[in-house]
Amino acid sequence: MSCSSTYTIKDFSSKNNFFEDFNKFAENKNLKVTLINDSSFYSEGNTKISNDTLIIVMKVKKDKKIKKTDLKDIKYIGNDMANLSALVILKDGTEAITQNKNVFTDSSVAIIVSSDIYKFLPVNGIKEISYKNHWLGTPFGFLSGAILGAGIGGLDSYFIGQNANKYTDVTKPFFIGTAVGPIIGIIVGWIIGLTYTYEFSP
């Protein structure tokens, strides 16, 4: 069983309302962006539409070595001595918080710095943007698995009962199906998930 919700510009009173709804939905989600040439990629950063342009802000982490002569101060944060964070302050006033810091023999410091990379795409080049929520697929999987498991187990119990003697436990398949069906259904439901799709060029 597969579940999905699809939204198009026709579902809204205006294109701007469609874009506004998408922006609210897209907050803090990993999205699959499919272009009109059917190529696709995943946006794992902040994604929004502004002025008919899809803006994707991606966080990129880079190793950076800071020379001793550029350092002004290092302030340690937290109480866990095995995993201290540090606020690194440079002489030019730049500050960076890092949890991965190495101090070399020359007193220079290696830190991991996060920076933003912006990607811009015209909306008219986008076919659709989708998001799959795996957890929302589990209730449907549970219900389907329970029904199918009980049904298959009940049929099995019925056919066994046709040729069974008085010592045969004909209810066993039914109870096994009722117990195992929901478990399998939850697993399958999580894999399939619930997909939300915003179609820009249907």
N, C-alpha and C. Protein backbone atom coordinates (compact mmCIF):
# COMPACT_ATOMS: atom_id res chain seq x y z
N MET A 1 0.85 -1.18 0.00
CA MET A 1 0.00 0.00 0.00
C MET A 1 0.89 1.23 0.00
N SER A 2 0.62 2.15 -0.88
CA SER A 2 1.40 3.37 -0.98
C SER A 2 0.50 4.57 -0.74
N CYS A 3 0.99 5.55 0.02
CA CYS A 3 0.20 6.73 0.33
C CYS A 3 0.96 7.97 -0.12
N SER A 4 0.23 8.93 -0.66
CA SER A 4 0.87 10.16 -1.11
C SER A 4 -0.14 11.29 -1.13
N SER A 5 0.39 12.51 -1.06
CA SER A 5 -0.41 13.72 -1.22
C SER A 5 0.28 14.59 -2.24
N THR A 6 -0.48 15.07 -3.23
CA THR A 6 0.08 15.87 -4.31
C THR A 6 -0.58 17.24 -4.35
N TYR A 7 0.23 18.28 -4.50
CA TYR A 7 -0.27 19.65 -4.54
C TYR A 7 0.20 20.31 -5.83
N THR A 8 -0.70 21.02 -6.49
CA THR A 8 -0.38 21.76 -7.70
C THR A 8 -0.84 23.20 -7.53
N ILE A 9 -0.42 24.05 -8.45
CA ILE A 9 -0.84 25.46 -8.41
C ILE A 9 -2.35 25.59 -8.49
N LYS A 10 -3.02 24.64 -9.19
CA LYS A 10 -4.48 24.68 -9.34
C LYS A 10 -5.21 24.51 -8.00
N ASP A 11 -4.51 23.95 -7.01
CA ASP A 11 -5.13 23.73 -5.70
C ASP A 11 -5.16 24.99 -4.86
N PHE A 12 -4.54 26.06 -5.34
CA PHE A 12 -4.45 27.30 -4.57
C PHE A 12 -5.04 28.46 -5.36
N SER A 13 -5.39 29.51 -4.64
CA SER A 13 -6.03 30.65 -5.28
C SER A 13 -5.07 31.45 -6.16
N SER A 14 -3.76 31.32 -5.88
CA SER A 14 -2.78 32.02 -6.70
C SER A 14 -1.44 31.31 -6.64
N LYS A 15 -0.57 31.67 -7.55
CA LYS A 15 0.77 31.09 -7.57
C LYS A 15 1.53 31.45 -6.31
N ASN A 16 1.36 32.68 -5.85
CA ASN A 16 2.06 33.12 -4.65
C ASN A 16 1.63 32.33 -3.42
N ASN A 17 0.33 32.01 -3.33
CA ASN A 17 -0.15 31.19 -2.21
C ASN A 17 0.42 29.79 -2.27
N PHE A 18 0.58 29.26 -3.48
CA PHE A 18 1.20 27.95 -3.67
C PHE A 18 2.64 27.98 -3.18
N PHE A 19 3.37 29.03 -3.54
CA PHE A 19 4.76 29.16 -3.11
C PHE A 19 4.87 29.34 -1.60
N GLU A 20 3.95 30.13 -1.02
CA GLU A 20 3.96 30.34 0.43
C GLU A 20 3.70 29.04 1.17
N ASP A 21 2.76 28.25 0.68
CA ASP A 21 2.47 26.96 1.31
C ASP A 21 3.67 26.04 1.22
N PHE A 22 4.33 26.04 0.06
CA PHE A 22 5.53 25.21 -0.10
C PHE A 22 6.61 25.65 0.87
N ASN A 23 6.85 26.95 1.01
CA ASN A 23 7.91 27.44 1.90
C ASN A 23 7.68 27.01 3.34
N LYS A 24 6.41 27.06 3.80
CA LYS A 24 6.10 26.61 5.16
C LYS A 24 6.36 25.12 5.31
N PHE A 25 5.96 24.36 4.29
CA PHE A 25 6.12 22.91 4.34
C PHE A 25 7.59 22.50 4.30
N ALA A 26 8.40 23.22 3.52
CA ALA A 26 9.78 22.79 3.25
C ALA A 26 10.74 23.07 4.39
N GLU A 27 10.32 23.80 5.41
CA GLU A 27 11.22 24.15 6.51
C GLU A 27 11.80 22.91 7.17
N ASN A 28 13.13 22.87 7.27
CA ASN A 28 13.87 21.82 7.99
C ASN A 28 13.58 20.41 7.46
N LYS A 29 13.39 20.28 6.15
CA LYS A 29 13.14 18.97 5.56
C LYS A 29 14.17 18.67 4.47
N ASN A 30 14.49 17.39 4.33
CA ASN A 30 15.34 16.94 3.23
C ASN A 30 14.44 16.62 2.05
N LEU A 31 14.60 17.35 0.95
CA LEU A 31 13.68 17.27 -0.17
C LEU A 31 14.34 16.67 -1.40
N LYS A 32 13.53 16.00 -2.22
CA LYS A 32 13.99 15.51 -3.51
C LYS A 32 13.49 16.48 -4.58
N VAL A 33 14.42 17.09 -5.30
CA VAL A 33 14.09 18.06 -6.34
C VAL A 33 14.25 17.39 -7.70
N THR A 34 13.16 17.33 -8.47
CA THR A 34 13.20 16.73 -9.81
C THR A 34 13.02 17.83 -10.85
N LEU A 35 13.95 17.92 -11.78
CA LEU A 35 13.90 18.95 -12.81
C LEU A 35 13.07 18.47 -13.99
N ILE A 36 12.74 19.38 -14.91
CA ILE A 36 11.88 19.03 -16.04
C ILE A 36 12.57 18.06 -17.00
N ASN A 37 13.90 17.93 -16.92
CA ASN A 37 14.59 16.93 -17.74
C ASN A 37 14.70 15.59 -17.03
N ASP A 38 13.95 15.46 -15.90
CA ASP A 38 13.86 14.24 -15.09
C ASP A 38 15.12 13.91 -14.30
N SER A 39 16.12 14.77 -14.32
CA SER A 39 17.25 14.58 -13.41
C SER A 39 16.82 15.06 -12.03
N SER A 40 17.45 14.55 -11.00
CA SER A 40 17.02 14.91 -9.65
C SER A 40 18.21 14.95 -8.70
N PHE A 41 18.01 15.63 -7.58
CA PHE A 41 19.01 15.69 -6.53
C PHE A 41 18.29 15.94 -5.21
N TYR A 42 19.00 15.75 -4.11
CA TYR A 42 18.41 15.95 -2.80
C TYR A 42 18.93 17.24 -2.17
N SER A 43 18.02 18.01 -1.64
CA SER A 43 18.37 19.23 -0.94
C SER A 43 18.32 18.95 0.56
N GLU A 44 19.47 18.99 1.20
CA GLU A 44 19.55 18.71 2.62
C GLU A 44 19.75 19.97 3.44
N GLY A 45 19.51 21.11 2.83
CA GLY A 45 19.64 22.37 3.55
C GLY A 45 18.32 23.10 3.60
N ASN A 46 18.38 24.39 3.87
CA ASN A 46 17.17 25.21 3.88
C ASN A 46 16.75 25.50 2.44
N THR A 47 15.48 25.28 2.15
CA THR A 47 14.97 25.44 0.78
C THR A 47 13.74 26.33 0.79
N LYS A 48 13.72 27.35 -0.08
CA LYS A 48 12.54 28.21 -0.17
C LYS A 48 12.46 28.82 -1.56
N ILE A 49 11.28 29.34 -1.88
CA ILE A 49 11.05 30.00 -3.17
C ILE A 49 10.87 31.49 -2.93
N SER A 50 11.59 32.27 -3.74
CA SER A 50 11.48 33.72 -3.67
C SER A 50 11.65 34.29 -5.07
N ASN A 51 10.70 35.11 -5.50
CA ASN A 51 10.76 35.75 -6.82
C ASN A 51 10.96 34.72 -7.95
N ASP A 52 10.13 33.68 -7.92
CA ASP A 52 10.15 32.62 -8.95
C ASP A 52 11.50 31.91 -9.03
N THR A 53 12.23 31.90 -7.92
CA THR A 53 13.53 31.23 -7.87
C THR A 53 13.58 30.32 -6.65
N LEU A 54 14.02 29.08 -6.86
CA LEU A 54 14.22 28.16 -5.74
C LEU A 54 15.62 28.41 -5.17
N ILE A 55 15.67 28.73 -3.89
CA ILE A 55 16.93 29.01 -3.23
C ILE A 55 17.24 27.87 -2.26
N ILE A 56 18.39 27.26 -2.42
CA ILE A 56 18.82 26.17 -1.55
C ILE A 56 20.09 26.62 -0.82
N VAL A 57 20.02 26.58 0.51
CA VAL A 57 21.17 26.94 1.32
C VAL A 57 21.73 25.66 1.94
N MET A 58 22.95 25.32 1.55
CA MET A 58 23.56 24.08 2.03
C MET A 58 24.73 24.39 2.96
N LYS A 59 24.80 23.65 4.06
CA LYS A 59 25.90 23.78 5.00
C LYS A 59 27.08 22.92 4.54
N VAL A 60 28.24 23.53 4.47
CA VAL A 60 29.44 22.81 4.08
C VAL A 60 30.47 22.94 5.20
N LYS A 61 31.04 21.81 5.61
CA LYS A 61 32.05 21.84 6.67
C LYS A 61 33.45 21.65 6.06
N LYS A 62 34.35 22.51 6.48
CA LYS A 62 35.72 22.44 5.97
C LYS A 62 36.71 22.49 7.12
N ASP A 63 37.82 21.75 6.95
CA ASP A 63 38.91 21.82 7.92
C ASP A 63 39.70 23.11 7.68
N LYS A 64 40.00 23.80 8.75
CA LYS A 64 40.76 25.04 8.62
C LYS A 64 41.83 25.09 9.70
N LYS A 65 43.05 25.42 9.29
CA LYS A 65 44.15 25.54 10.24
C LYS A 65 44.41 27.03 10.49
N ILE A 66 44.38 27.41 11.76
CA ILE A 66 44.56 28.81 12.13
C ILE A 66 45.94 28.98 12.75
N LYS A 67 46.69 29.92 12.23
CA LYS A 67 48.04 30.18 12.73
C LYS A 67 48.00 30.83 14.11
N LYS A 68 49.04 30.57 14.87
CA LYS A 68 49.14 31.14 16.21
C LYS A 68 49.08 32.67 16.16
N THR A 69 49.68 33.26 15.13
CA THR A 69 49.72 34.72 15.03
C THR A 69 48.33 35.32 14.76
N ASP A 70 47.39 34.50 14.25
CA ASP A 70 46.03 34.99 13.97
C ASP A 70 45.09 34.80 15.16
N LEU A 71 45.53 34.02 16.17
CA LEU A 71 44.68 33.71 17.31
C LEU A 71 44.69 34.83 18.35
N LYS A 72 43.50 35.13 18.86
CA LYS A 72 43.40 36.07 19.97
C LYS A 72 43.11 35.34 21.26
N ASP A 73 42.17 34.37 21.20
CA ASP A 73 41.80 33.66 22.42
C ASP A 73 41.04 32.38 22.08
N ILE A 74 41.09 31.41 22.99
CA ILE A 74 40.30 30.18 22.88
C ILE A 74 39.58 30.00 24.22
N LYS A 75 38.26 29.97 24.18
CA LYS A 75 37.47 29.79 25.39
C LYS A 75 36.75 28.44 25.31
N TYR A 76 36.97 27.61 26.32
CA TYR A 76 36.37 26.29 26.32
C TYR A 76 34.97 26.34 26.90
N ILE A 77 34.08 25.50 26.33
CA ILE A 77 32.67 25.49 26.69
C ILE A 77 32.27 24.09 27.16
N GLY A 78 31.54 24.00 28.27
CA GLY A 78 31.03 22.71 28.74
C GLY A 78 31.86 22.15 29.87
N ASN A 79 31.38 21.01 30.41
CA ASN A 79 32.04 20.36 31.55
C ASN A 79 32.63 19.00 31.23
N ASP A 80 32.31 18.48 30.03
CA ASP A 80 32.81 17.16 29.65
C ASP A 80 34.24 17.31 29.13
N MET A 81 35.21 16.94 29.96
CA MET A 81 36.61 17.14 29.61
C MET A 81 37.03 16.32 28.40
N ALA A 82 36.32 15.21 28.15
CA ALA A 82 36.68 14.35 27.01
C ALA A 82 36.15 14.89 25.70
N ASN A 83 35.16 15.81 25.77
CA ASN A 83 34.54 16.29 24.53
C ASN A 83 34.15 17.76 24.67
N LEU A 84 35.15 18.61 24.93
CA LEU A 84 34.89 20.02 25.13
C LEU A 84 34.68 20.74 23.81
N SER A 85 33.73 21.66 23.80
CA SER A 85 33.61 22.59 22.68
C SER A 85 34.51 23.78 22.98
N ALA A 86 34.79 24.56 21.93
CA ALA A 86 35.65 25.72 22.14
C ALA A 86 35.20 26.88 21.26
N LEU A 87 35.28 28.07 21.81
CA LEU A 87 35.04 29.29 21.05
C LEU A 87 36.39 29.86 20.66
N VAL A 88 36.68 29.82 19.37
CA VAL A 88 37.96 30.31 18.86
C VAL A 88 37.76 31.75 18.37
N ILE A 89 38.53 32.67 18.93
CA ILE A 89 38.42 34.08 18.59
C ILE A 89 39.70 34.52 17.89
N LEU A 90 39.55 35.10 16.69
CA LEU A 90 40.70 35.57 15.92
C LEU A 90 40.93 37.06 16.19
N LYS A 91 42.10 37.51 15.83
CA LYS A 91 42.45 38.91 16.07
C LYS A 91 41.62 39.87 15.25
N ASP A 92 41.06 39.39 14.12
CA ASP A 92 40.22 40.27 13.30
C ASP A 92 38.78 40.32 13.79
N GLY A 93 38.50 39.66 14.93
CA GLY A 93 37.18 39.68 15.52
C GLY A 93 36.30 38.51 15.14
N THR A 94 36.74 37.69 14.19
CA THR A 94 35.96 36.52 13.77
C THR A 94 35.90 35.50 14.89
N GLU A 95 34.72 34.89 15.07
CA GLU A 95 34.54 33.87 16.09
C GLU A 95 34.01 32.59 15.46
N ALA A 96 34.44 31.45 15.97
CA ALA A 96 33.95 30.15 15.47
C ALA A 96 33.86 29.18 16.64
N ILE A 97 32.71 28.50 16.73
CA ILE A 97 32.53 27.46 17.74
C ILE A 97 32.82 26.11 17.11
N THR A 98 33.65 25.32 17.74
CA THR A 98 34.00 24.02 17.19
C THR A 98 34.04 22.97 18.27
N GLN A 99 33.69 21.72 17.88
CA GLN A 99 33.80 20.59 18.80
C GLN A 99 34.95 19.69 18.39
N ASN A 100 35.58 20.01 17.27
CA ASN A 100 36.69 19.20 16.78
C ASN A 100 37.91 20.12 16.65
N LYS A 101 38.74 20.14 17.66
CA LYS A 101 39.86 21.07 17.71
C LYS A 101 41.15 20.30 17.98
N ASN A 102 42.16 20.60 17.20
CA ASN A 102 43.48 20.02 17.43
C ASN A 102 44.48 21.14 17.58
N VAL A 103 45.32 21.05 18.60
CA VAL A 103 46.38 22.04 18.81
C VAL A 103 47.70 21.40 18.42
N PHE A 104 48.44 22.05 17.51
CA PHE A 104 49.71 21.53 17.04
C PHE A 104 50.86 22.08 17.88
N THR A 105 52.03 21.52 17.68
CA THR A 105 53.20 21.90 18.49
C THR A 105 53.59 23.37 18.31
N ASP A 106 53.22 23.94 17.15
CA ASP A 106 53.53 25.36 16.94
C ASP A 106 52.42 26.27 17.46
N SER A 107 51.50 25.68 18.23
CA SER A 107 50.38 26.40 18.86
C SER A 107 49.33 26.85 17.85
N SER A 108 49.43 26.42 16.60
CA SER A 108 48.35 26.67 15.65
C SER A 108 47.19 25.73 15.98
N VAL A 109 46.01 26.07 15.49
CA VAL A 109 44.81 25.30 15.84
C VAL A 109 44.10 24.86 14.57
N ALA A 110 43.67 23.59 14.54
CA ALA A 110 42.86 23.08 13.43
C ALA A 110 41.43 22.95 13.90
N ILE A 111 40.51 23.57 13.19
CA ILE A 111 39.09 23.50 13.55
C ILE A 111 38.27 23.15 12.31
N ILE A 112 37.02 22.76 12.54
CA ILE A 112 36.08 22.52 11.44
C ILE A 112 35.14 23.71 11.39
N VAL A 113 35.12 24.38 10.26
CA VAL A 113 34.31 25.59 10.10
C VAL A 113 33.15 25.29 9.16
N SER A 114 31.94 25.73 9.54
CA SER A 114 30.75 25.57 8.71
C SER A 114 30.52 26.85 7.91
N SER A 115 30.19 26.69 6.65
CA SER A 115 29.87 27.84 5.81
C SER A 115 28.66 27.50 4.95
N ASP A 116 27.98 28.53 4.46
CA ASP A 116 26.78 28.35 3.65
C ASP A 116 27.11 28.46 2.16
N ILE A 117 26.53 27.56 1.36
CA ILE A 117 26.63 27.64 -0.09
C ILE A 117 25.22 27.81 -0.64
N TYR A 118 25.03 28.79 -1.49
CA TYR A 118 23.71 29.08 -2.04
C TYR A 118 23.60 28.55 -3.47
N LYS A 119 22.47 27.90 -3.76
CA LYS A 119 22.20 27.42 -5.10
C LYS A 119 20.86 28.01 -5.55
N PHE A 120 20.82 28.54 -6.78
CA PHE A 120 19.62 29.19 -7.28
C PHE A 120 19.12 28.47 -8.53
N LEU A 121 17.82 28.14 -8.55
CA LEU A 121 17.22 27.48 -9.71
C LEU A 121 15.92 28.18 -10.08
N PRO A 122 15.72 28.48 -11.35
CA PRO A 122 14.43 29.07 -11.76
C PRO A 122 13.31 28.05 -11.57
N VAL A 123 12.17 28.50 -11.05
CA VAL A 123 11.05 27.61 -10.79
C VAL A 123 10.55 26.93 -12.06
N ASN A 124 10.62 27.64 -13.20
CA ASN A 124 10.12 27.04 -14.44
C ASN A 124 10.98 25.88 -14.94
N GLY A 125 12.11 25.63 -14.28
CA GLY A 125 12.92 24.48 -14.64
C GLY A 125 12.72 23.28 -13.73
N ILE A 126 11.76 23.43 -12.78
CA ILE A 126 11.51 22.37 -11.79
C ILE A 126 10.23 21.63 -12.15
N LYS A 127 10.30 20.32 -12.14
CA LYS A 127 9.12 19.50 -12.40
C LYS A 127 8.33 19.28 -11.11
N GLU A 128 9.01 18.82 -10.06
CA GLU A 128 8.34 18.60 -8.78
C GLU A 128 9.36 18.53 -7.66
N ILE A 129 8.87 18.75 -6.45
CA ILE A 129 9.68 18.61 -5.25
C ILE A 129 8.90 17.73 -4.28
N SER A 130 9.55 16.70 -3.78
CA SER A 130 8.83 15.75 -2.93
C SER A 130 9.58 15.51 -1.62
N TYR A 131 8.82 15.03 -0.65
CA TYR A 131 9.36 14.71 0.67
C TYR A 131 8.69 13.44 1.16
N LYS A 132 9.50 12.49 1.60
CA LYS A 132 8.94 11.23 2.11
C LYS A 132 9.10 11.17 3.62
N ASN A 133 7.97 11.00 4.30
CA ASN A 133 7.95 10.83 5.75
C ASN A 133 7.76 9.34 6.05
N HIS A 134 8.83 8.69 6.47
CA HIS A 134 8.77 7.23 6.70
C HIS A 134 7.85 6.87 7.86
N TRP A 135 7.89 7.66 8.93
CA TRP A 135 7.13 7.29 10.12
C TRP A 135 5.62 7.35 9.90
N LEU A 136 5.17 8.27 9.05
CA LEU A 136 3.73 8.36 8.79
C LEU A 136 3.21 7.17 7.99
N GLY A 137 4.11 6.38 7.41
CA GLY A 137 3.69 5.19 6.68
C GLY A 137 3.43 4.00 7.60
N THR A 138 3.93 4.06 8.84
CA THR A 138 3.79 2.92 9.75
C THR A 138 2.36 2.65 10.20
N PRO A 139 1.50 3.66 10.48
CA PRO A 139 0.12 3.33 10.87
C PRO A 139 -0.64 2.58 9.77
N PHE A 140 -0.44 3.03 8.50
CA PHE A 140 -1.10 2.35 7.39
C PHE A 140 -0.56 0.93 7.24
N GLY A 141 0.74 0.78 7.44
CA GLY A 141 1.35 -0.55 7.36
C GLY A 141 0.84 -1.47 8.46
N PHE A 142 0.70 -0.92 9.66
CA PHE A 142 0.19 -1.71 10.79
C PHE A 142 -1.22 -2.20 10.50
N LEU A 143 -2.09 -1.29 10.04
CA LEU A 143 -3.48 -1.65 9.77
C LEU A 143 -3.57 -2.68 8.65
N SER A 144 -2.83 -2.45 7.55
CA SER A 144 -2.87 -3.39 6.43
C SER A 144 -2.32 -4.74 6.84
N GLY A 145 -1.20 -4.72 7.59
CA GLY A 145 -0.60 -5.98 8.04
C GLY A 145 -1.51 -6.76 8.96
N ALA A 146 -2.22 -6.04 9.85
CA ALA A 146 -3.14 -6.71 10.77
C ALA A 146 -4.28 -7.38 10.02
N ILE A 147 -4.85 -6.67 9.04
CA ILE A 147 -5.97 -7.22 8.26
C ILE A 147 -5.53 -8.41 7.42
N LEU A 148 -4.41 -8.21 6.69
CA LEU A 148 -3.92 -9.30 5.83
C LEU A 148 -3.46 -10.50 6.64
N GLY A 149 -2.75 -10.22 7.74
CA GLY A 149 -2.25 -11.31 8.59
C GLY A 149 -3.39 -12.13 9.18
N ALA A 150 -4.41 -11.42 9.70
CA ALA A 150 -5.56 -12.13 10.27
C ALA A 150 -6.33 -12.87 9.19
N GLY A 151 -6.45 -12.26 7.99
CA GLY A 151 -7.18 -12.91 6.90
C GLY A 151 -6.50 -14.16 6.41
N ILE A 152 -5.19 -14.06 6.16
CA ILE A 152 -4.43 -15.23 5.68
C ILE A 152 -4.38 -16.31 6.75
N GLY A 153 -4.15 -15.88 8.01
CA GLY A 153 -4.12 -16.86 9.11
C GLY A 153 -5.47 -17.53 9.31
N GLY A 154 -6.56 -16.74 9.16
CA GLY A 154 -7.91 -17.31 9.30
C GLY A 154 -8.22 -18.32 8.21
N LEU A 155 -7.82 -18.02 6.96
CA LEU A 155 -8.02 -18.98 5.87
C LEU A 155 -7.23 -20.25 6.10
N ASP A 156 -6.00 -20.07 6.56
CA ASP A 156 -5.16 -21.24 6.84
C ASP A 156 -5.79 -22.10 7.93
N SER A 157 -6.29 -21.46 8.98
CA SER A 157 -6.96 -22.20 10.05
C SER A 157 -8.20 -22.94 9.54
N TYR A 158 -8.93 -22.29 8.63
CA TYR A 158 -10.13 -22.91 8.08
C TYR A 158 -9.78 -24.17 7.31
N PHE A 159 -8.78 -24.09 6.40
CA PHE A 159 -8.42 -25.25 5.59
C PHE A 159 -7.81 -26.37 6.42
N ILE A 160 -7.06 -25.99 7.45
CA ILE A 160 -6.52 -27.02 8.35
C ILE A 160 -7.65 -27.72 9.07
N GLY A 161 -8.66 -26.93 9.46
CA GLY A 161 -9.79 -27.50 10.19
C GLY A 161 -10.61 -28.47 9.38
N GLN A 162 -10.54 -28.39 8.04
CA GLN A 162 -11.30 -29.30 7.19
C GLN A 162 -10.82 -30.74 7.31
N ASN A 163 -9.53 -30.91 7.57
CA ASN A 163 -8.95 -32.26 7.64
C ASN A 163 -8.35 -32.55 9.00
N ALA A 164 -8.69 -31.77 10.01
CA ALA A 164 -8.06 -31.92 11.31
C ALA A 164 -8.83 -32.91 12.18
N ASN A 165 -8.10 -33.49 13.11
CA ASN A 165 -8.76 -34.31 14.13
C ASN A 165 -8.99 -33.45 15.36
N LYS A 166 -9.57 -34.02 16.38
CA LYS A 166 -9.96 -33.23 17.54
C LYS A 166 -8.77 -32.71 18.34
N TYR A 167 -7.57 -33.25 18.07
CA TYR A 167 -6.39 -32.82 18.82
C TYR A 167 -5.61 -31.71 18.10
N THR A 168 -6.03 -31.38 16.89
CA THR A 168 -5.31 -30.36 16.11
C THR A 168 -5.74 -28.95 16.53
N ASP A 169 -4.73 -28.11 16.77
CA ASP A 169 -5.01 -26.72 17.13
C ASP A 169 -5.18 -25.91 15.84
N VAL A 170 -6.42 -25.73 15.42
CA VAL A 170 -6.68 -25.05 14.15
C VAL A 170 -6.61 -23.53 14.29
N THR A 171 -6.53 -23.01 15.50
CA THR A 171 -6.50 -21.55 15.70
C THR A 171 -5.08 -20.98 15.63
N LYS A 172 -4.08 -21.86 15.66
CA LYS A 172 -2.69 -21.39 15.71
C LYS A 172 -2.32 -20.50 14.52
N PRO A 173 -2.61 -20.88 13.27
CA PRO A 173 -2.26 -20.01 12.13
C PRO A 173 -2.91 -18.62 12.23
N PHE A 174 -4.15 -18.59 12.71
CA PHE A 174 -4.83 -17.29 12.83
C PHE A 174 -4.10 -16.37 13.79
N PHE A 175 -3.72 -16.91 14.96
CA PHE A 175 -3.03 -16.09 15.96
C PHE A 175 -1.64 -15.69 15.50
N ILE A 176 -0.96 -16.58 14.77
CA ILE A 176 0.36 -16.24 14.24
C ILE A 176 0.24 -15.12 13.21
N GLY A 177 -0.73 -15.26 12.30
CA GLY A 177 -0.95 -14.22 11.29
C GLY A 177 -1.31 -12.89 11.90
N THR A 178 -2.15 -12.93 12.94
CA THR A 178 -2.56 -11.70 13.62
C THR A 178 -1.39 -11.02 14.31
N ALA A 179 -0.43 -11.81 14.81
CA ALA A 179 0.73 -11.25 15.51
C ALA A 179 1.82 -10.78 14.55
N VAL A 180 2.10 -11.59 13.52
CA VAL A 180 3.20 -11.29 12.60
C VAL A 180 2.81 -10.25 11.56
N GLY A 181 1.57 -10.28 11.11
CA GLY A 181 1.11 -9.35 10.07
C GLY A 181 1.39 -7.89 10.38
N PRO A 182 1.00 -7.39 11.55
CA PRO A 182 1.27 -5.97 11.87
C PRO A 182 2.75 -5.62 11.90
N ILE A 183 3.57 -6.58 12.36
CA ILE A 183 5.02 -6.31 12.42
C ILE A 183 5.59 -6.13 11.02
N ILE A 184 5.23 -7.05 10.12
CA ILE A 184 5.69 -6.94 8.74
C ILE A 184 5.11 -5.68 8.10
N GLY A 185 3.84 -5.38 8.41
CA GLY A 185 3.20 -4.19 7.86
C GLY A 185 3.90 -2.91 8.29
N ILE A 186 4.31 -2.83 9.55
CA ILE A 186 5.02 -1.64 10.04
C ILE A 186 6.34 -1.46 9.29
N ILE A 187 7.07 -2.56 9.10
CA ILE A 187 8.35 -2.48 8.39
C ILE A 187 8.15 -2.01 6.96
N VAL A 188 7.20 -2.63 6.26
CA VAL A 188 6.93 -2.24 4.87
C VAL A 188 6.40 -0.81 4.80
N GLY A 189 5.52 -0.45 5.75
CA GLY A 189 4.97 0.90 5.78
C GLY A 189 6.06 1.95 5.98
N TRP A 190 7.04 1.64 6.82
CA TRP A 190 8.14 2.58 7.05
C TRP A 190 8.97 2.74 5.79
N ILE A 191 9.22 1.64 5.09
CA ILE A 191 10.02 1.70 3.85
C ILE A 191 9.29 2.53 2.78
N ILE A 192 8.00 2.27 2.61
CA ILE A 192 7.22 2.99 1.59
C ILE A 192 6.98 4.43 2.01
N GLY A 193 6.62 4.65 3.28
CA GLY A 193 6.41 5.98 3.80
C GLY A 193 5.20 6.68 3.21
N LEU A 194 5.07 7.93 3.58
CA LEU A 194 4.02 8.81 3.07
C LEU A 194 4.71 9.94 2.32
N THR A 195 4.43 10.07 1.02
CA THR A 195 5.13 11.04 0.18
C THR A 195 4.26 12.26 -0.11
N TYR A 196 4.84 13.43 0.12
CA TYR A 196 4.20 14.70 -0.21
C TYR A 196 4.91 15.26 -1.44
N THR A 197 4.14 15.65 -2.45
CA THR A 197 4.74 16.14 -3.70
C THR A 197 4.11 17.47 -4.09
N TYR A 198 4.98 18.43 -4.38
CA TYR A 198 4.54 19.72 -4.95
C TYR A 198 4.94 19.72 -6.41
N GLU A 199 3.94 19.74 -7.29
CA GLU A 199 4.18 19.70 -8.72
C GLU A 199 4.23 21.12 -9.29
N PHE A 200 5.34 21.44 -9.93
CA PHE A 200 5.51 22.76 -10.53
C PHE A 200 5.24 22.73 -12.04
N SER A 201 5.59 21.61 -12.68
CA SER A 201 5.33 21.44 -14.11
C SER A 201 4.75 20.06 -14.35
N PRO A 202 3.48 19.83 -13.96
CA PRO A 202 2.88 18.49 -14.07
C PRO A 202 2.68 18.09 -15.52
